[in-house]
Amino acid sequence: MTVLVALLVTLIPTTIGALLSAIGIAGMDRLVQRHVL
């Protein structure tokens, strides 16, 4: 089970899946930094 799960985690796009929400929030934040809501 350990090896198969490790294979699955490396196959799926974990990196962008982990960062996708942060990218969207940061885009809003960059506008706020420039005083735009």
All heavy atoms as atom14 arrays in JSON, in Angstrom:
{
  "sequence": "MTVLVALLVTLIPTTIGALLSAIGIAGMDRLVQRHVL",
  "atom14_mask": [
    [1, 1, 1, 1, 1, 1, 1, 1, 0, 0, 0, 0, 0, 0],
    [1, 1, 1, 1, 1, 1, 1, 0, 0, 0, 0, 0, 0, 0],
    [1, 1, 1, 1, 1, 1, 1, 0, 0, 0, 0, 0, 0, 0],
    [1, 1, 1, 1, 1, 1, 1, 1, 0, 0, 0, 0, 0, 0],
    [1, 1, 1, 1, 1, 1, 1, 0, 0, 0, 0, 0, 0, 0],
    [1, 1, 1, 1, 1, 0, 0, 0, 0, 0, 0, 0, 0, 0],
    [1, 1, 1, 1, 1, 1, 1, 1, 0, 0, 0, 0, 0, 0],
    [1, 1, 1, 1, 1, 1, 1, 1, 0, 0, 0, 0, 0, 0],
    [1, 1, 1, 1, 1, 1, 1, 0, 0, 0, 0, 0, 0, 0],
    [1, 1, 1, 1, 1, 1, 1, 0, 0, 0, 0, 0, 0, 0],
    [1, 1, 1, 1, 1, 1, 1, 1, 0, 0, 0, 0, 0, 0],
    [1, 1, 1, 1, 1, 1, 1, 1, 0, 0, 0, 0, 0, 0],
    [1, 1, 1, 1, 1, 1, 1, 0, 0, 0, 0, 0, 0, 0],
    [1, 1, 1, 1, 1, 1, 1, 0, 0, 0, 0, 0, 0, 0],
    [1, 1, 1, 1, 1, 1, 1, 0, 0, 0, 0, 0, 0, 0],
    [1, 1, 1, 1, 1, 1, 1, 1, 0, 0, 0, 0, 0, 0],
    [1, 1, 1, 1, 0, 0, 0, 0, 0, 0, 0, 0, 0, 0],
    [1, 1, 1, 1, 1, 0, 0, 0, 0, 0, 0, 0, 0, 0],
    [1, 1, 1, 1, 1, 1, 1, 1, 0, 0, 0, 0, 0, 0],
    [1, 1, 1, 1, 1, 1, 1, 1, 0, 0, 0, 0, 0, 0],
    [1, 1, 1, 1, 1, 1, 0, 0, 0, 0, 0, 0, 0, 0],
    [1, 1, 1, 1, 1, 0, 0, 0, 0, 0, 0, 0, 0, 0],
    [1, 1, 1, 1, 1, 1, 1, 1, 0, 0, 0, 0, 0, 0],
    [1, 1, 1, 1, 0, 0, 0, 0, 0, 0, 0, 0, 0, 0],
    [1, 1, 1, 1, 1, 1, 1, 1, 0, 0, 0, 0, 0, 0],
    [1, 1, 1, 1, 1, 0, 0, 0, 0, 0, 0, 0, 0, 0],
    [1, 1, 1, 1, 0, 0, 0, 0, 0, 0, 0, 0, 0, 0],
    [1, 1, 1, 1, 1, 1, 1, 1, 0, 0, 0, 0, 0, 0],
    [1, 1, 1, 1, 1, 1, 1, 1, 0, 0, 0, 0, 0, 0],
    [1, 1, 1, 1, 1, 1, 1, 1, 1, 1, 1, 0, 0, 0],
    [1, 1, 1, 1, 1, 1, 1, 1, 0, 0, 0, 0, 0, 0],
    [1, 1, 1, 1, 1, 1, 1, 0, 0, 0, 0, 0, 0, 0],
    [1, 1, 1, 1, 1, 1, 1, 1, 1, 0, 0, 0, 0, 0],
    [1, 1, 1, 1, 1, 1, 1, 1, 1, 1, 1, 0, 0, 0],
    [1, 1, 1, 1, 1, 1, 1, 1, 1, 1, 0, 0, 0, 0],
    [1, 1, 1, 1, 1, 1, 1, 0, 0, 0, 0, 0, 0, 0],
    [1, 1, 1, 1, 1, 1, 1, 1, 0, 0, 0, 0, 0, 0]
  ],
  "atom14_positions": [
    [[0.83, -1.2, 0.0], [0.0, 0.0, 0.0], [0.87, 1.25, 0.0], [0.56, 2.24, -0.69], [-0.93, -0.02, 1.22], [-1.87, 1.17, 1.3], [-3.04, 1.18, -0.07], [-4.01, -0.29, 0.34], [0.0, 0.0, 0.0], [0.0, 0.0, 0.0], [0.0, 0.0, 0.0], [0.0, 0.0, 0.0], [0.0, 0.0, 0.0], [0.0, 0.0, 0.0]],
    [[1.95, 1.24, 0.75], [2.81, 2.41, 0.86], [3.41, 2.78, -0.48], [3.41, 3.96, -0.88], [3.94, 2.15, 1.88], [3.37, 1.84, 3.14], [4.84, 3.37, 2.01], [0.0, 0.0, 0.0], [0.0, 0.0, 0.0], [0.0, 0.0, 0.0], [0.0, 0.0, 0.0], [0.0, 0.0, 0.0], [0.0, 0.0, 0.0], [0.0, 0.0, 0.0]],
    [[3.89, 1.79, -1.22], [4.51, 2.06, -2.51], [3.48, 2.56, -3.52], [3.73, 3.5, -4.28], [5.23, 0.81, -3.03], [5.73, 1.03, -4.46], [6.39, 0.44, -2.13], [0.0, 0.0, 0.0], [0.0, 0.0, 0.0], [0.0, 0.0, 0.0], [0.0, 0.0, 0.0], [0.0, 0.0, 0.0], [0.0, 0.0, 0.0], [0.0, 0.0, 0.0]],
    [[2.3, 1.93, -3.55], [1.28, 2.33, -4.5], [0.77, 3.75, -4.23], [0.54, 4.53, -5.17], [0.12, 1.34, -4.46], [0.42, -0.06, -5.02], [-0.77, -0.98, -4.81], [0.79, 0.02, -6.49], [0.0, 0.0, 0.0], [0.0, 0.0, 0.0], [0.0, 0.0, 0.0], [0.0, 0.0, 0.0], [0.0, 0.0, 0.0], [0.0, 0.0, 0.0]],
    [[0.6, 4.08, -2.96], [0.17, 5.45, -2.62], [1.25, 6.45, -3.0], [0.96, 7.53, -3.53], [-0.19, 5.56, -1.13], [-0.39, 7.03, -0.74], [-1.45, 4.77, -0.82], [0.0, 0.0, 0.0], [0.0, 0.0, 0.0], [0.0, 0.0, 0.0], [0.0, 0.0, 0.0], [0.0, 0.0, 0.0], [0.0, 0.0, 0.0], [0.0, 0.0, 0.0]],
    [[2.5, 6.11, -2.75], [3.61, 6.99, -3.13], [3.62, 7.22, -4.64], [3.83, 8.35, -5.12], [4.94, 6.4, -2.67], [0.0, 0.0, 0.0], [0.0, 0.0, 0.0], [0.0, 0.0, 0.0], [0.0, 0.0, 0.0], [0.0, 0.0, 0.0], [0.0, 0.0, 0.0], [0.0, 0.0, 0.0], [0.0, 0.0, 0.0], [0.0, 0.0, 0.0]],
    [[3.37, 6.14, -5.39], [3.31, 6.28, -6.85], [2.17, 7.21, -7.25], [2.34, 8.09, -8.11], [3.12, 4.9, -7.48], [2.88, 4.89, -9.0], [4.09, 5.46, -9.72], [2.56, 3.49, -9.49], [0.0, 0.0, 0.0], [0.0, 0.0, 0.0], [0.0, 0.0, 0.0], [0.0, 0.0, 0.0], [0.0, 0.0, 0.0], [0.0, 0.0, 0.0]],
    [[1.01, 7.03, -6.63], [-0.14, 7.87, -6.97], [0.13, 9.34, -6.69], [-0.16, 10.21, -7.52], [-1.37, 7.4, -6.18], [-2.63, 8.26, -6.32], [-3.1, 8.28, -7.77], [-3.74, 7.76, -5.4], [0.0, 0.0, 0.0], [0.0, 0.0, 0.0], [0.0, 0.0, 0.0], [0.0, 0.0, 0.0], [0.0, 0.0, 0.0], [0.0, 0.0, 0.0]],
    [[0.71, 9.63, -5.53], [0.97, 11.03, -5.14], [1.96, 11.69, -6.09], [1.85, 12.88, -6.4], [1.47, 11.1, -3.68], [1.95, 12.5, -3.33], [0.36, 10.68, -2.73], [0.0, 0.0, 0.0], [0.0, 0.0, 0.0], [0.0, 0.0, 0.0], [0.0, 0.0, 0.0], [0.0, 0.0, 0.0], [0.0, 0.0, 0.0], [0.0, 0.0, 0.0]],
    [[2.93, 10.91, -6.58], [3.89, 11.5, -7.52], [3.32, 11.62, -8.93], [3.77, 12.45, -9.72], [5.17, 10.66, -7.57], [4.84, 9.3, -7.86], [5.91, 10.73, -6.25], [0.0, 0.0, 0.0], [0.0, 0.0, 0.0], [0.0, 0.0, 0.0], [0.0, 0.0, 0.0], [0.0, 0.0, 0.0], [0.0, 0.0, 0.0], [0.0, 0.0, 0.0]],
    [[2.32, 10.8, -9.25], [1.7, 10.89, -10.57], [0.77, 12.09, -10.69], [0.75, 12.78, -11.71], [0.9, 9.61, -10.86], [1.7, 8.36, -11.25], [0.77, 7.17, -11.34], [2.4, 8.57, -12.58], [0.0, 0.0, 0.0], [0.0, 0.0, 0.0], [0.0, 0.0, 0.0], [0.0, 0.0, 0.0], [0.0, 0.0, 0.0], [0.0, 0.0, 0.0]],
    [[-0.04, 12.34, -9.68], [-1.03, 13.42, -9.76], [-0.35, 14.78, -9.6], [0.72, 14.89, -8.99], [-2.14, 13.25, -8.7], [-1.57, 13.35, -7.28], [-2.87, 11.94, -8.9], [-2.62, 13.22, -6.2], [0.0, 0.0, 0.0], [0.0, 0.0, 0.0], [0.0, 0.0, 0.0], [0.0, 0.0, 0.0], [0.0, 0.0, 0.0], [0.0, 0.0, 0.0]],
    [[-0.94, 15.86, -10.14], [-0.3, 17.19, -10.1], [-0.45, 17.85, -8.73], [-1.21, 18.82, -8.56], [-1.05, 17.96, -11.19], [-2.39, 17.31, -11.26], [-2.19, 15.87, -10.94], [0.0, 0.0, 0.0], [0.0, 0.0, 0.0], [0.0, 0.0, 0.0], [0.0, 0.0, 0.0], [0.0, 0.0, 0.0], [0.0, 0.0, 0.0], [0.0, 0.0, 0.0]],
    [[0.26, 17.33, -7.75], [0.12, 17.85, -6.39], [0.63, 19.29, -6.26], [0.09, 20.08, -5.48], [0.88, 16.96, -5.39], [2.2, 16.73, -5.88], [0.17, 15.64, -5.19], [0.0, 0.0, 0.0], [0.0, 0.0, 0.0], [0.0, 0.0, 0.0], [0.0, 0.0, 0.0], [0.0, 0.0, 0.0], [0.0, 0.0, 0.0], [0.0, 0.0, 0.0]],
    [[1.68, 19.64, -7.0], [2.29, 20.96, -6.82], [1.31, 22.08, -7.16], [1.05, 22.97, -6.35], [3.56, 21.08, -7.68], [4.44, 20.01, -7.39], [4.27, 22.4, -7.38], [0.0, 0.0, 0.0], [0.0, 0.0, 0.0], [0.0, 0.0, 0.0], [0.0, 0.0, 0.0], [0.0, 0.0, 0.0], [0.0, 0.0, 0.0], [0.0, 0.0, 0.0]],
    [[0.74, 22.05, -8.37], [-0.19, 23.12, -8.75], [-1.49, 22.98, -7.96], [-2.14, 23.99, -7.63], [-0.45, 23.11, -10.27], [-1.31, 24.3, -10.67], [-1.1, 21.81, -10.71], [-0.69, 25.65, -10.34], [0.0, 0.0, 0.0], [0.0, 0.0, 0.0], [0.0, 0.0, 0.0], [0.0, 0.0, 0.0], [0.0, 0.0, 0.0], [0.0, 0.0, 0.0]],
    [[-1.9, 21.74, -7.64], [-3.09, 21.56, -6.81], [-2.94, 22.21, -5.45], [-3.9, 22.75, -4.89], [0.0, 0.0, 0.0], [0.0, 0.0, 0.0], [0.0, 0.0, 0.0], [0.0, 0.0, 0.0], [0.0, 0.0, 0.0], [0.0, 0.0, 0.0], [0.0, 0.0, 0.0], [0.0, 0.0, 0.0], [0.0, 0.0, 0.0], [0.0, 0.0, 0.0]],
    [[-1.72, 22.17, -4.91], [-1.47, 22.77, -3.6], [-1.41, 24.29, -3.66], [-1.76, 24.97, -2.7], [-0.16, 22.22, -3.04], [0.0, 0.0, 0.0], [0.0, 0.0, 0.0], [0.0, 0.0, 0.0], [0.0, 0.0, 0.0], [0.0, 0.0, 0.0], [0.0, 0.0, 0.0], [0.0, 0.0, 0.0], [0.0, 0.0, 0.0], [0.0, 0.0, 0.0]],
    [[-0.95, 24.83, -4.8], [-0.69, 26.27, -4.88], [-1.78, 27.06, -5.57], [-1.77, 28.29, -5.55], [0.64, 26.51, -5.62], [1.89, 25.92, -4.97], [3.09, 26.1, -5.89], [2.17, 26.56, -3.62], [0.0, 0.0, 0.0], [0.0, 0.0, 0.0], [0.0, 0.0, 0.0], [0.0, 0.0, 0.0], [0.0, 0.0, 0.0], [0.0, 0.0, 0.0]],
    [[-2.74, 26.39, -6.2], [-3.72, 27.08, -7.03], [-4.52, 28.11, -6.25], [-4.69, 29.26, -6.69], [-4.66, 26.06, -7.67], [-5.64, 26.59, -8.71], [-4.89, 27.26, -9.85], [-6.52, 25.48, -9.23], [0.0, 0.0, 0.0], [0.0, 0.0, 0.0], [0.0, 0.0, 0.0], [0.0, 0.0, 0.0], [0.0, 0.0, 0.0], [0.0, 0.0, 0.0]],
    [[-5.01, 27.74, -5.09], [-5.82, 28.67, -4.3], [-4.97, 29.85, -3.82], [-5.42, 31.0, -3.83], [-6.44, 27.95, -3.1], [-7.23, 28.83, -2.35], [0.0, 0.0, 0.0], [0.0, 0.0, 0.0], [0.0, 0.0, 0.0], [0.0, 0.0, 0.0], [0.0, 0.0, 0.0], [0.0, 0.0, 0.0], [0.0, 0.0, 0.0], [0.0, 0.0, 0.0]],
    [[-3.72, 29.56, -3.41], [-2.84, 30.63, -2.93], [-2.55, 31.64, -4.03], [-2.45, 32.84, -3.78], [-1.54, 30.04, -2.41], [0.0, 0.0, 0.0], [0.0, 0.0, 0.0], [0.0, 0.0, 0.0], [0.0, 0.0, 0.0], [0.0, 0.0, 0.0], [0.0, 0.0, 0.0], [0.0, 0.0, 0.0], [0.0, 0.0, 0.0], [0.0, 0.0, 0.0]],
    [[-2.42, 31.17, -5.28], [-2.16, 32.08, -6.4], [-3.32, 33.06, -6.56], [-3.13, 34.26, -6.75], [-1.94, 31.28, -7.7], [-0.65, 30.47, -7.61], [-1.89, 32.21, -8.91], [-0.48, 29.48, -8.75], [0.0, 0.0, 0.0], [0.0, 0.0, 0.0], [0.0, 0.0, 0.0], [0.0, 0.0, 0.0], [0.0, 0.0, 0.0], [0.0, 0.0, 0.0]],
    [[-4.57, 32.55, -6.48], [-5.74, 33.43, -6.62], [-5.85, 34.44, -5.49], [-6.11, 35.62, -5.73], [0.0, 0.0, 0.0], [0.0, 0.0, 0.0], [0.0, 0.0, 0.0], [0.0, 0.0, 0.0], [0.0, 0.0, 0.0], [0.0, 0.0, 0.0], [0.0, 0.0, 0.0], [0.0, 0.0, 0.0], [0.0, 0.0, 0.0], [0.0, 0.0, 0.0]],
    [[-5.62, 33.97, -4.26], [-5.69, 34.88, -3.11], [-4.6, 35.94, -3.21], [-4.82, 37.12, -2.91], [-5.57, 34.09, -1.8], [-6.76, 33.15, -1.64], [-5.47, 35.03, -0.6], [-6.64, 32.19, -0.48], [0.0, 0.0, 0.0], [0.0, 0.0, 0.0], [0.0, 0.0, 0.0], [0.0, 0.0, 0.0], [0.0, 0.0, 0.0], [0.0, 0.0, 0.0]],
    [[-3.4, 35.53, -3.62], [-2.29, 36.48, -3.73], [-2.56, 37.53, -4.79], [-2.12, 38.68, -4.65], [-0.99, 35.73, -4.04], [0.0, 0.0, 0.0], [0.0, 0.0, 0.0], [0.0, 0.0, 0.0], [0.0, 0.0, 0.0], [0.0, 0.0, 0.0], [0.0, 0.0, 0.0], [0.0, 0.0, 0.0], [0.0, 0.0, 0.0], [0.0, 0.0, 0.0]],
    [[-3.28, 37.15, -5.86], [-3.63, 38.14, -6.87], [-4.5, 39.24, -6.3], [-4.29, 40.43, -6.57], [0.0, 0.0, 0.0], [0.0, 0.0, 0.0], [0.0, 0.0, 0.0], [0.0, 0.0, 0.0], [0.0, 0.0, 0.0], [0.0, 0.0, 0.0], [0.0, 0.0, 0.0], [0.0, 0.0, 0.0], [0.0, 0.0, 0.0], [0.0, 0.0, 0.0]],
    [[-5.49, 38.86, -5.48], [-6.32, 39.86, -4.8], [-5.47, 40.7, -3.86], [-5.64, 41.91, -3.75], [-7.42, 39.15, -4.01], [-8.35, 38.28, -4.84], [-9.67, 39.19, -5.65], [-10.76, 39.51, -4.27], [0.0, 0.0, 0.0], [0.0, 0.0, 0.0], [0.0, 0.0, 0.0], [0.0, 0.0, 0.0], [0.0, 0.0, 0.0], [0.0, 0.0, 0.0]],
    [[-4.52, 40.04, -3.19], [-3.68, 40.74, -2.22], [-2.8, 41.78, -2.89], [-2.58, 42.86, -2.36], [-2.82, 39.72, -1.46], [-1.94, 40.37, -0.41], [-2.5, 40.97, 0.53], [-0.7, 40.31, -0.52], [0.0, 0.0, 0.0], [0.0, 0.0, 0.0], [0.0, 0.0, 0.0], [0.0, 0.0, 0.0], [0.0, 0.0, 0.0], [0.0, 0.0, 0.0]],
    [[-2.29, 41.46, -4.09], [-1.44, 42.42, -4.79], [-2.23, 43.68, -5.16], [-1.7, 44.78, -5.17], [-0.82, 41.78, -6.03], [0.38, 40.9, -5.73], [1.13, 40.53, -7.0], [0.38, 39.62, -7.85], [0.35, 38.3, -7.68], [1.03, 37.75, -6.69], [-0.34, 37.54, -8.5], [0.0, 0.0, 0.0], [0.0, 0.0, 0.0], [0.0, 0.0, 0.0]],
    [[-3.52, 43.5, -5.47], [-4.36, 44.67, -5.73], [-4.55, 45.49, -4.46], [-4.5, 46.72, -4.48], [-5.71, 44.24, -6.28], [-5.8, 43.92, -7.77], [-7.22, 43.5, -8.12], [-5.4, 45.13, -8.61], [0.0, 0.0, 0.0], [0.0, 0.0, 0.0], [0.0, 0.0, 0.0], [0.0, 0.0, 0.0], [0.0, 0.0, 0.0], [0.0, 0.0, 0.0]],
    [[-4.77, 44.8, -3.34], [-4.96, 45.49, -2.07], [-3.72, 46.29, -1.71], [-3.8, 47.41, -1.18], [-5.32, 44.5, -0.95], [-5.32, 45.18, 0.41], [-6.68, 43.88, -1.22], [0.0, 0.0, 0.0], [0.0, 0.0, 0.0], [0.0, 0.0, 0.0], [0.0, 0.0, 0.0], [0.0, 0.0, 0.0], [0.0, 0.0, 0.0], [0.0, 0.0, 0.0]],
    [[-2.53, 45.73, -2.0], [-1.29, 46.45, -1.73], [-1.25, 47.78, -2.47], [-0.65, 48.73, -2.01], [-0.09, 45.59, -2.15], [0.14, 44.36, -1.29], [1.27, 43.53, -1.84], [2.28, 44.06, -2.28], [1.11, 42.22, -1.81], [0.0, 0.0, 0.0], [0.0, 0.0, 0.0], [0.0, 0.0, 0.0], [0.0, 0.0, 0.0], [0.0, 0.0, 0.0]],
    [[-1.88, 47.81, -3.62], [-1.91, 49.04, -4.41], [-3.18, 49.84, -4.17], [-3.54, 50.7, -4.96], [-1.77, 48.7, -5.89], [-0.36, 48.23, -6.25], [-0.36, 47.56, -7.61], [0.98, 47.25, -8.07], [1.68, 46.18, -7.7], [1.15, 45.32, -6.83], [2.89, 45.96, -8.16], [0.0, 0.0, 0.0], [0.0, 0.0, 0.0], [0.0, 0.0, 0.0]],
    [[-3.87, 49.51, -3.07], [-5.07, 50.25, -2.66], [-6.2, 50.12, -3.67], [-6.94, 51.07, -3.91], [-4.75, 51.72, -2.42], [-3.9, 51.96, -1.22], [-3.59, 53.21, -0.77], [-3.27, 51.11, -0.39], [-2.81, 53.12, 0.3], [-2.61, 51.84, 0.54], [0.0, 0.0, 0.0], [0.0, 0.0, 0.0], [0.0, 0.0, 0.0], [0.0, 0.0, 0.0]],
    [[-6.34, 48.94, -4.26], [-7.46, 48.65, -5.15], [-8.22, 47.47, -4.58], [-7.63, 46.44, -4.25], [-6.99, 48.32, -6.58], [-8.18, 47.98, -7.47], [-6.22, 49.49, -7.17], [0.0, 0.0, 0.0], [0.0, 0.0, 0.0], [0.0, 0.0, 0.0], [0.0, 0.0, 0.0], [0.0, 0.0, 0.0], [0.0, 0.0, 0.0], [0.0, 0.0, 0.0]],
    [[-9.53, 47.63, -4.44], [-10.37, 46.54, -3.96], [-11.15, 45.95, -5.12], [-11.9, 46.66, -5.8], [-11.35, 47.05, -2.9], [-10.74, 47.44, -1.55], [-11.84, 47.9, -0.62], [-9.98, 46.3, -0.94], [0.0, 0.0, 0.0], [0.0, 0.0, 0.0], [0.0, 0.0, 0.0], [0.0, 0.0, 0.0], [0.0, 0.0, 0.0], [0.0, 0.0, 0.0]]
  ]
}
